[in-house]
């Protein structure tokens, strides 16, 4: 009998902040992520470009192991606005939406 497939994302620890209000990251300009969050060749994100901003948010949410990184690079009101545009592993989405009901209902 086949065993259910276990995905990497199911066992990986993810960081979730205590509140969305503590996310006070930048809302404009160009942000350069440290290698611990983004080891791709991109690394720099222009927040005035929605695609770049969303990609940066996805990387920070997926890769952050410290709440300080979430605070430094994410902005709570912006995150609420773009939440459903982000591609995130289902476990990450579940963890964040379980803690922040406003994200689950955000559109």
C-alpha atoms as a PDB file:
ATOM      1  CA  UNK A   1       0.000   0.000   0.000  1.00  0.00           C
ATOM      2  CA  UNK A   2       1.342   3.420  -0.959  1.00  0.00           C
ATOM      3  CA  UNK A   3       2.254   5.802   1.850  1.00  0.00           C
ATOM      4  CA  UNK A   4       1.078   9.415   1.695  1.00  0.00           C
ATOM      5  CA  UNK A   5       3.745  11.615   0.180  1.00  0.00           C
ATOM      6  CA  UNK A   6       5.502  13.896   2.654  1.00  0.00           C
ATOM      7  CA  UNK A   7       6.555  17.233   1.230  1.00  0.00           C
ATOM      8  CA  UNK A   8       9.554  19.252   2.378  1.00  0.00           C
ATOM      9  CA  UNK A   9       7.246  22.170   3.221  1.00  0.00           C
ATOM     10  CA  UNK A  10       5.305  19.985   5.673  1.00  0.00           C
ATOM     11  CA  UNK A  11       8.299  19.444   7.950  1.00  0.00           C
ATOM     12  CA  UNK A  12      10.092  22.740   7.522  1.00  0.00           C
ATOM     13  CA  UNK A  13       9.771  25.288  10.344  1.00  0.00           C
ATOM     14  CA  UNK A  14       8.302  28.651   9.363  1.00  0.00           C
ATOM     15  CA  UNK A  15       8.338  31.915  11.289  1.00  0.00           C
ATOM     16  CA  UNK A  16       5.119  33.831  11.954  1.00  0.00           C
ATOM     17  CA  UNK A  17       5.056  37.168  13.806  1.00  0.00           C
ATOM     18  CA  UNK A  18       2.969  37.834  16.882  1.00  0.00           C
ATOM     19  CA  UNK A  19       0.991  40.546  15.097  1.00  0.00           C
ATOM     20  CA  UNK A  20       0.731  42.176  11.689  1.00  0.00           C
ATOM     21  CA  UNK A  21       1.197  45.585  13.334  1.00  0.00           C
ATOM     22  CA  UNK A  22       4.820  44.722  14.153  1.00  0.00           C
ATOM     23  CA  UNK A  23       5.582  44.384  10.418  1.00  0.00           C
ATOM     24  CA  UNK A  24       6.942  47.854   9.735  1.00  0.00           C
ATOM     25  CA  UNK A  25       9.183  47.224   6.725  1.00  0.00           C
ATOM     26  CA  UNK A  26       9.657  49.621   3.832  1.00  0.00           C
ATOM     27  CA  UNK A  27       6.902  50.564   1.402  1.00  0.00           C
ATOM     28  CA  UNK A  28       9.001  52.271  -1.265  1.00  0.00           C
ATOM     29  CA  UNK A  29      12.456  52.254  -2.722  1.00  0.00           C
ATOM     30  CA  UNK A  30      14.737  49.365  -3.596  1.00  0.00           C
ATOM     31  CA  UNK A  31      15.348  46.664  -1.006  1.00  0.00           C
ATOM     32  CA  UNK A  32      18.290  44.290  -1.048  1.00  0.00           C
ATOM     33  CA  UNK A  33      17.667  41.070   0.842  1.00  0.00           C
ATOM     34  CA  UNK A  34      20.499  39.345   2.701  1.00  0.00           C
ATOM     35  CA  UNK A  35      21.707  36.012   1.332  1.00  0.00           C
ATOM     36  CA  UNK A  36      20.004  34.096   4.165  1.00  0.00           C
ATOM     37  CA  UNK A  37      16.664  35.180   2.654  1.00  0.00           C
ATOM     38  CA  UNK A  38      17.477  35.301  -1.048  1.00  0.00           C
ATOM     39  CA  UNK A  39      20.367  33.462  -2.636  1.00  0.00           C
ATOM     40  CA  UNK A  40      19.071  34.022  -6.180  1.00  0.00           C
ATOM     41  CA  UNK A  41      20.782  36.332  -8.631  1.00  0.00           C
ATOM     42  CA  UNK A  42      17.992  38.895  -8.139  1.00  0.00           C
ATOM     43  CA  UNK A  43      18.447  39.909  -4.508  1.00  0.00           C
ATOM     44  CA  UNK A  44      17.208  43.477  -5.094  1.00  0.00           C
ATOM     45  CA  UNK A  45      13.549  44.432  -5.314  1.00  0.00           C
ATOM     46  CA  UNK A  46      11.942  47.672  -6.449  1.00  0.00           C
ATOM     47  CA  UNK A  47       8.891  48.053  -4.221  1.00  0.00           C
ATOM     48  CA  UNK A  48       7.178  50.318  -6.762  1.00  0.00           C
ATOM     49  CA  UNK A  49       6.914  47.271  -9.056  1.00  0.00           C
ATOM     50  CA  UNK A  50       4.065  45.032  -7.793  1.00  0.00           C
ATOM     51  CA  UNK A  51       5.611  41.853  -9.212  1.00  0.00           C
ATOM     52  CA  UNK A  52       8.969  42.519  -7.580  1.00  0.00           C
ATOM     53  CA  UNK A  53       7.358  43.484  -4.274  1.00  0.00           C
ATOM     54  CA  UNK A  54       5.223  40.335  -4.220  1.00  0.00           C
ATOM     55  CA  UNK A  55       8.207  38.148  -5.074  1.00  0.00           C
ATOM     56  CA  UNK A  56      10.174  39.719  -2.235  1.00  0.00           C
ATOM     57  CA  UNK A  57       7.290  39.137   0.190  1.00  0.00           C
ATOM     58  CA  UNK A  58       7.057  35.491  -0.887  1.00  0.00           C
ATOM     59  CA  UNK A  59      10.776  34.962  -0.343  1.00  0.00           C
ATOM     60  CA  UNK A  60      10.850  36.684   3.031  1.00  0.00           C
ATOM     61  CA  UNK A  61       7.805  34.756   4.298  1.00  0.00           C
ATOM     62  CA  UNK A  62       9.140  31.398   3.057  1.00  0.00           C
ATOM     63  CA  UNK A  63      12.772  31.818   4.067  1.00  0.00           C
ATOM     64  CA  UNK A  64      12.716  33.829   7.289  1.00  0.00           C
ATOM     65  CA  UNK A  65      13.882  31.960  10.368  1.00  0.00           C
ATOM     66  CA  UNK A  66      13.769  35.065  12.584  1.00  0.00           C
ATOM     67  CA  UNK A  67      10.829  37.315  13.308  1.00  0.00           C
ATOM     68  CA  UNK A  68      13.227  40.270  13.029  1.00  0.00           C
ATOM     69  CA  UNK A  69      13.485  39.624   9.290  1.00  0.00           C
ATOM     70  CA  UNK A  70       9.712  39.676   8.952  1.00  0.00           C
ATOM     71  CA  UNK A  71       9.598  42.971  10.831  1.00  0.00           C
ATOM     72  CA  UNK A  72      12.385  44.496   8.751  1.00  0.00           C
ATOM     73  CA  UNK A  73      11.143  43.574   5.267  1.00  0.00           C
ATOM     74  CA  UNK A  74       7.344  43.191   5.434  1.00  0.00           C
ATOM     75  CA  UNK A  75       4.756  45.929   5.925  1.00  0.00           C
ATOM     76  CA  UNK A  76       1.528  44.805   7.622  1.00  0.00           C
ATOM     77  CA  UNK A  77      -1.000  46.909   5.667  1.00  0.00           C
ATOM     78  CA  UNK A  78       0.711  46.054   2.374  1.00  0.00           C
ATOM     79  CA  UNK A  79       0.762  42.372   3.270  1.00  0.00           C
ATOM     80  CA  UNK A  80      -2.994  42.434   3.963  1.00  0.00           C
ATOM     81  CA  UNK A  81      -3.591  44.062   0.589  1.00  0.00           C
ATOM     82  CA  UNK A  82      -1.486  41.628  -1.477  1.00  0.00           C
ATOM     83  CA  UNK A  83      -1.907  38.412   0.563  1.00  0.00           C
ATOM     84  CA  UNK A  84      -4.016  36.553  -2.004  1.00  0.00           C
ATOM     85  CA  UNK A  85      -1.640  37.524  -4.813  1.00  0.00           C
ATOM     86  CA  UNK A  86       1.274  35.712  -3.152  1.00  0.00           C
ATOM     87  CA  UNK A  87       2.340  32.200  -4.098  1.00  0.00           C
ATOM     88  CA  UNK A  88       3.051  30.442  -0.819  1.00  0.00           C
ATOM     89  CA  UNK A  89       3.264  26.808   0.242  1.00  0.00           C
ATOM     90  CA  UNK A  90      -0.088  25.712   1.635  1.00  0.00           C
ATOM     91  CA  UNK A  91       1.352  25.099   5.120  1.00  0.00           C
ATOM     92  CA  UNK A  92       2.774  28.634   5.264  1.00  0.00           C
ATOM     93  CA  UNK A  93      -0.554  30.095   4.158  1.00  0.00           C
ATOM     94  CA  UNK A  94      -2.379  27.982   6.757  1.00  0.00           C
ATOM     95  CA  UNK A  95       0.010  29.042   9.568  1.00  0.00           C
ATOM     96  CA  UNK A  96      -0.385  32.740   8.781  1.00  0.00           C
ATOM     97  CA  UNK A  97      -4.147  32.600   8.209  1.00  0.00           C
ATOM     98  CA  UNK A  98      -4.634  30.585  11.409  1.00  0.00           C
ATOM     99  CA  UNK A  99      -2.948  33.333  13.386  1.00  0.00           C
ATOM    100  CA  UNK A 100      -4.378  36.264  11.391  1.00  0.00           C
ATOM    101  CA  UNK A 101      -8.012  35.740  10.437  1.00  0.00           C
ATOM    102  CA  UNK A 102      -7.962  39.038   8.539  1.00  0.00           C
ATOM    103  CA  UNK A 103      -5.611  37.502   5.976  1.00  0.00           C
ATOM    104  CA  UNK A 104      -7.973  34.601   5.274  1.00  0.00           C
ATOM    105  CA  UNK A 105     -10.742  37.081   4.515  1.00  0.00           C
ATOM    106  CA  UNK A 106      -8.540  39.609   2.707  1.00  0.00           C
ATOM    107  CA  UNK A 107      -9.130  40.129  -0.994  1.00  0.00           C
END
